[in-house]
């Protein structure tokens, strides 16, 4: 069975949104708070001829999540890690 025709072409970027409601977070200065996080990741389809899935892999090229903390008066707290992580494959040493 050839799944190549069912997969997106190499080079396509796909945005994926996320929303997490009432996430408990302990902050030393103010204690336990419940936050609503929103944001998401962006992945790119890349060539990966050494593995399955029709020679493709998903590479995370961007990630951002934010939530307003009670003490920040609406200013978002944002986490943006390194974009060099791969889904389903370990990063090269």
N, C-alpha and C. Protein backbone atom coordinates (compact mmCIF):
# COMPACT_ATOMS: atom_id res chain seq x y z
N UNK A 1 0.84 -1.19 0.00
CA UNK A 1 0.00 0.00 0.00
C UNK A 1 0.88 1.24 0.00
N UNK A 2 0.63 2.14 -0.90
CA UNK A 2 1.39 3.38 -1.00
C UNK A 2 0.58 4.50 -0.36
N UNK A 3 1.11 5.08 0.72
CA UNK A 3 0.40 6.17 1.40
C UNK A 3 0.92 7.53 0.96
N UNK A 4 1.85 7.54 0.01
CA UNK A 4 2.48 8.79 -0.40
C UNK A 4 1.46 9.83 -0.88
N UNK A 5 0.44 9.42 -1.59
CA UNK A 5 -0.56 10.36 -2.09
C UNK A 5 -1.46 10.93 -1.01
N UNK A 6 -1.45 10.34 0.20
CA UNK A 6 -2.29 10.80 1.29
C UNK A 6 -1.55 11.73 2.24
N UNK A 7 -0.27 11.91 2.04
CA UNK A 7 0.54 12.74 2.93
C UNK A 7 0.76 14.12 2.30
N UNK A 8 0.89 15.16 3.15
CA UNK A 8 1.18 16.48 2.60
C UNK A 8 2.57 16.51 1.96
N UNK A 9 2.78 17.37 0.97
CA UNK A 9 4.08 17.43 0.31
C UNK A 9 5.17 18.00 1.21
N UNK A 10 6.41 17.64 0.91
CA UNK A 10 7.56 18.14 1.66
C UNK A 10 7.62 19.65 1.53
N UNK A 11 7.88 20.34 2.65
CA UNK A 11 7.99 21.79 2.67
C UNK A 11 6.76 22.49 3.23
N UNK A 12 5.63 21.79 3.32
CA UNK A 12 4.41 22.40 3.84
C UNK A 12 4.56 22.66 5.34
N UNK A 13 4.12 23.83 5.79
CA UNK A 13 4.11 24.17 7.21
C UNK A 13 2.68 24.09 7.72
N UNK A 14 2.52 23.44 8.88
CA UNK A 14 1.19 23.21 9.45
C UNK A 14 1.12 23.82 10.84
N UNK A 15 0.21 24.80 11.07
CA UNK A 15 0.02 25.33 12.42
C UNK A 15 -0.90 24.41 13.22
N UNK A 16 -0.57 24.19 14.48
CA UNK A 16 -1.38 23.35 15.38
C UNK A 16 -1.64 24.16 16.64
N UNK A 17 -2.89 24.42 16.94
CA UNK A 17 -3.21 25.24 18.11
C UNK A 17 -3.50 24.37 19.32
N UNK A 18 -3.31 24.95 20.49
CA UNK A 18 -3.58 24.25 21.74
C UNK A 18 -4.19 25.19 22.75
N UNK A 19 -4.99 24.62 23.65
CA UNK A 19 -5.63 25.40 24.71
C UNK A 19 -5.77 24.50 25.92
N UNK A 20 -5.25 24.92 27.05
CA UNK A 20 -5.32 24.14 28.29
C UNK A 20 -5.98 25.00 29.37
N UNK A 21 -7.10 24.54 29.89
CA UNK A 21 -7.90 25.31 30.85
C UNK A 21 -7.60 24.86 32.28
N UNK A 22 -7.52 25.83 33.18
CA UNK A 22 -7.35 25.59 34.63
C UNK A 22 -6.15 24.71 34.96
N UNK A 23 -5.00 25.06 34.40
CA UNK A 23 -3.76 24.33 34.66
C UNK A 23 -3.20 24.81 36.00
N UNK A 24 -3.02 23.90 36.98
CA UNK A 24 -2.44 24.31 38.26
C UNK A 24 -0.95 24.59 38.11
N UNK A 25 -0.52 25.73 38.63
CA UNK A 25 0.89 26.12 38.54
C UNK A 25 1.28 26.74 39.87
N UNK A 26 2.36 26.24 40.45
CA UNK A 26 2.84 26.78 41.73
C UNK A 26 3.91 27.83 41.45
N UNK A 27 3.66 29.05 41.92
CA UNK A 27 4.60 30.16 41.80
C UNK A 27 5.03 30.53 43.21
N UNK A 28 6.34 30.51 43.48
CA UNK A 28 6.84 30.72 44.83
C UNK A 28 6.31 32.00 45.47
N UNK A 29 6.26 33.08 44.70
CA UNK A 29 5.87 34.38 45.28
C UNK A 29 4.39 34.45 45.65
N UNK A 30 3.52 33.74 44.91
CA UNK A 30 2.09 33.88 45.19
C UNK A 30 1.38 32.56 45.47
N UNK A 31 2.07 31.44 45.39
CA UNK A 31 1.45 30.14 45.68
C UNK A 31 0.83 29.51 44.44
N UNK A 32 -0.18 28.67 44.67
CA UNK A 32 -0.83 27.92 43.59
C UNK A 32 -1.84 28.80 42.86
N UNK A 33 -1.78 28.80 41.54
CA UNK A 33 -2.73 29.54 40.71
C UNK A 33 -3.25 28.61 39.61
N UNK A 34 -4.42 28.90 39.10
CA UNK A 34 -5.01 28.17 37.98
C UNK A 34 -4.91 29.09 36.76
N UNK A 35 -4.29 28.62 35.70
CA UNK A 35 -4.09 29.44 34.51
C UNK A 35 -4.69 28.77 33.28
N UNK A 36 -5.11 29.58 32.33
CA UNK A 36 -5.56 29.10 31.02
C UNK A 36 -4.45 29.41 30.02
N UNK A 37 -3.83 28.36 29.48
CA UNK A 37 -2.76 28.54 28.50
C UNK A 37 -3.33 28.42 27.09
N UNK A 38 -2.84 29.26 26.19
CA UNK A 38 -3.21 29.15 24.79
C UNK A 38 -1.97 29.37 23.94
N UNK A 39 -1.99 28.82 22.77
CA UNK A 39 -0.85 28.94 21.86
C UNK A 39 -0.82 27.76 20.93
N UNK A 40 0.38 27.31 20.61
CA UNK A 40 0.49 26.16 19.73
C UNK A 40 1.88 25.98 19.17
N UNK A 41 1.96 25.06 18.22
CA UNK A 41 3.22 24.77 17.55
C UNK A 41 3.02 24.90 16.04
N UNK A 42 4.12 25.04 15.33
CA UNK A 42 4.11 25.02 13.87
C UNK A 42 5.11 23.95 13.47
N UNK A 43 4.66 23.02 12.61
CA UNK A 43 5.54 21.95 12.15
C UNK A 43 5.72 22.06 10.64
N UNK A 44 6.84 21.53 10.16
CA UNK A 44 7.12 21.52 8.72
C UNK A 44 7.35 20.06 8.30
N UNK A 45 6.80 19.69 7.17
CA UNK A 45 7.02 18.36 6.60
C UNK A 45 8.40 18.37 5.95
N UNK A 46 9.25 17.41 6.36
CA UNK A 46 10.60 17.31 5.81
C UNK A 46 10.86 15.91 5.26
N UNK A 47 11.82 15.82 4.37
CA UNK A 47 12.22 14.54 3.80
C UNK A 47 12.92 13.69 4.84
N UNK A 48 12.59 12.41 4.88
CA UNK A 48 13.21 11.47 5.81
C UNK A 48 13.19 10.10 5.16
N UNK A 49 14.08 9.89 4.20
CA UNK A 49 14.06 8.67 3.41
C UNK A 49 14.51 7.44 4.18
N UNK A 50 15.13 7.60 5.35
CA UNK A 50 15.63 6.46 6.12
C UNK A 50 14.55 5.78 6.94
N UNK A 51 13.43 6.42 7.16
CA UNK A 51 12.36 5.85 7.98
C UNK A 51 11.08 5.71 7.16
N UNK A 52 10.04 5.22 7.80
CA UNK A 52 8.76 4.99 7.14
C UNK A 52 8.00 6.27 6.89
N UNK A 53 6.69 6.16 6.87
CA UNK A 53 5.76 7.27 6.61
C UNK A 53 6.02 7.95 5.28
N UNK A 54 6.34 7.18 4.27
CA UNK A 54 6.52 7.75 2.94
C UNK A 54 7.71 8.67 2.83
N UNK A 55 8.72 8.48 3.69
CA UNK A 55 9.93 9.31 3.64
C UNK A 55 9.71 10.72 4.15
N UNK A 56 8.85 10.88 5.14
CA UNK A 56 8.58 12.21 5.70
C UNK A 56 8.69 12.20 7.21
N UNK A 57 8.98 13.36 7.76
CA UNK A 57 8.97 13.56 9.21
C UNK A 57 8.43 14.95 9.49
N UNK A 58 7.97 15.14 10.71
CA UNK A 58 7.49 16.45 11.15
C UNK A 58 8.56 17.09 12.01
N UNK A 59 8.94 18.31 11.69
CA UNK A 59 9.92 19.04 12.48
C UNK A 59 9.22 20.24 13.10
N UNK A 60 9.34 20.38 14.42
CA UNK A 60 8.76 21.54 15.09
C UNK A 60 9.65 22.74 14.78
N UNK A 61 9.06 23.76 14.17
CA UNK A 61 9.84 24.94 13.79
C UNK A 61 9.44 26.16 14.62
N UNK A 62 8.42 26.02 15.45
CA UNK A 62 8.03 27.12 16.33
C UNK A 62 7.07 26.64 17.39
N UNK A 63 7.15 27.22 18.57
CA UNK A 63 6.27 26.87 19.67
C UNK A 63 6.09 28.08 20.56
N UNK A 64 4.85 28.37 20.91
CA UNK A 64 4.59 29.47 21.82
C UNK A 64 3.30 29.22 22.59
N UNK A 65 3.37 29.34 23.90
CA UNK A 65 2.21 29.23 24.78
C UNK A 65 2.26 30.41 25.74
N UNK A 66 1.11 30.95 26.06
CA UNK A 66 1.10 32.06 27.00
C UNK A 66 -0.12 31.96 27.90
N UNK A 67 0.00 32.61 29.07
CA UNK A 67 -1.09 32.70 30.04
C UNK A 67 -0.87 33.95 30.87
N UNK A 68 -1.94 34.63 31.20
CA UNK A 68 -1.85 35.82 32.05
C UNK A 68 -1.85 35.37 33.50
N UNK A 69 -0.81 35.78 34.23
CA UNK A 69 -0.75 35.45 35.66
C UNK A 69 -1.50 36.51 36.45
N UNK A 70 -2.00 36.16 37.66
CA UNK A 70 -2.74 37.14 38.45
C UNK A 70 -1.94 38.40 38.78
N UNK A 71 -0.63 38.28 38.94
CA UNK A 71 0.18 39.44 39.31
C UNK A 71 0.70 40.22 38.11
N UNK A 72 0.45 39.72 36.88
CA UNK A 72 1.03 40.39 35.71
C UNK A 72 0.09 41.42 35.09
N UNK A 73 -1.11 41.55 35.64
CA UNK A 73 -2.08 42.54 35.16
C UNK A 73 -2.32 42.42 33.66
N UNK A 74 -2.45 41.19 33.19
CA UNK A 74 -2.77 40.98 31.78
C UNK A 74 -1.58 40.79 30.87
N UNK A 75 -0.37 41.06 31.34
CA UNK A 75 0.82 40.84 30.50
C UNK A 75 1.07 39.34 30.42
N UNK A 76 1.20 38.77 29.22
CA UNK A 76 1.36 37.32 29.11
C UNK A 76 2.72 36.82 29.57
N UNK A 77 2.73 35.62 30.11
CA UNK A 77 3.96 34.92 30.42
C UNK A 77 4.15 33.92 29.29
N UNK A 78 5.23 34.04 28.55
CA UNK A 78 5.39 33.25 27.33
C UNK A 78 6.57 32.31 27.44
N UNK A 79 6.40 31.09 26.93
CA UNK A 79 7.47 30.10 26.85
C UNK A 79 7.72 29.81 25.38
N UNK A 80 8.96 30.01 24.93
CA UNK A 80 9.32 29.72 23.55
C UNK A 80 10.64 28.95 23.55
N UNK A 81 10.58 27.60 23.54
CA UNK A 81 11.82 26.81 23.57
C UNK A 81 12.50 26.74 22.20
N UNK A 82 13.64 26.09 22.19
CA UNK A 82 14.40 25.90 20.96
C UNK A 82 13.57 25.17 19.92
N UNK A 83 13.60 25.59 18.66
CA UNK A 83 12.77 24.96 17.63
C UNK A 83 13.42 23.74 16.98
N UNK A 84 14.42 23.14 17.60
CA UNK A 84 15.17 22.07 16.95
C UNK A 84 14.76 20.68 17.40
N UNK A 85 13.54 20.51 17.90
CA UNK A 85 13.07 19.20 18.34
C UNK A 85 12.30 18.54 17.19
N UNK A 86 12.43 17.23 17.10
CA UNK A 86 11.72 16.48 16.08
C UNK A 86 10.67 15.60 16.73
N UNK A 87 9.55 15.44 16.06
CA UNK A 87 8.51 14.52 16.52
C UNK A 87 8.85 13.14 16.00
N UNK A 88 8.90 12.17 16.91
CA UNK A 88 9.14 10.79 16.48
C UNK A 88 10.57 10.45 16.16
N UNK A 89 11.50 11.34 16.46
CA UNK A 89 12.91 11.06 16.19
C UNK A 89 13.75 11.83 17.19
N UNK A 90 14.80 11.21 17.67
CA UNK A 90 15.70 11.87 18.61
C UNK A 90 16.58 12.87 17.86
N UNK A 91 16.87 14.03 18.51
CA UNK A 91 17.78 14.99 17.86
C UNK A 91 19.18 14.39 17.69
N UNK A 92 19.89 14.75 16.66
CA UNK A 92 21.26 14.28 16.45
C UNK A 92 22.17 14.85 17.53
N UNK A 93 23.16 14.07 17.96
CA UNK A 93 24.11 14.58 18.98
C UNK A 93 25.01 15.64 18.44
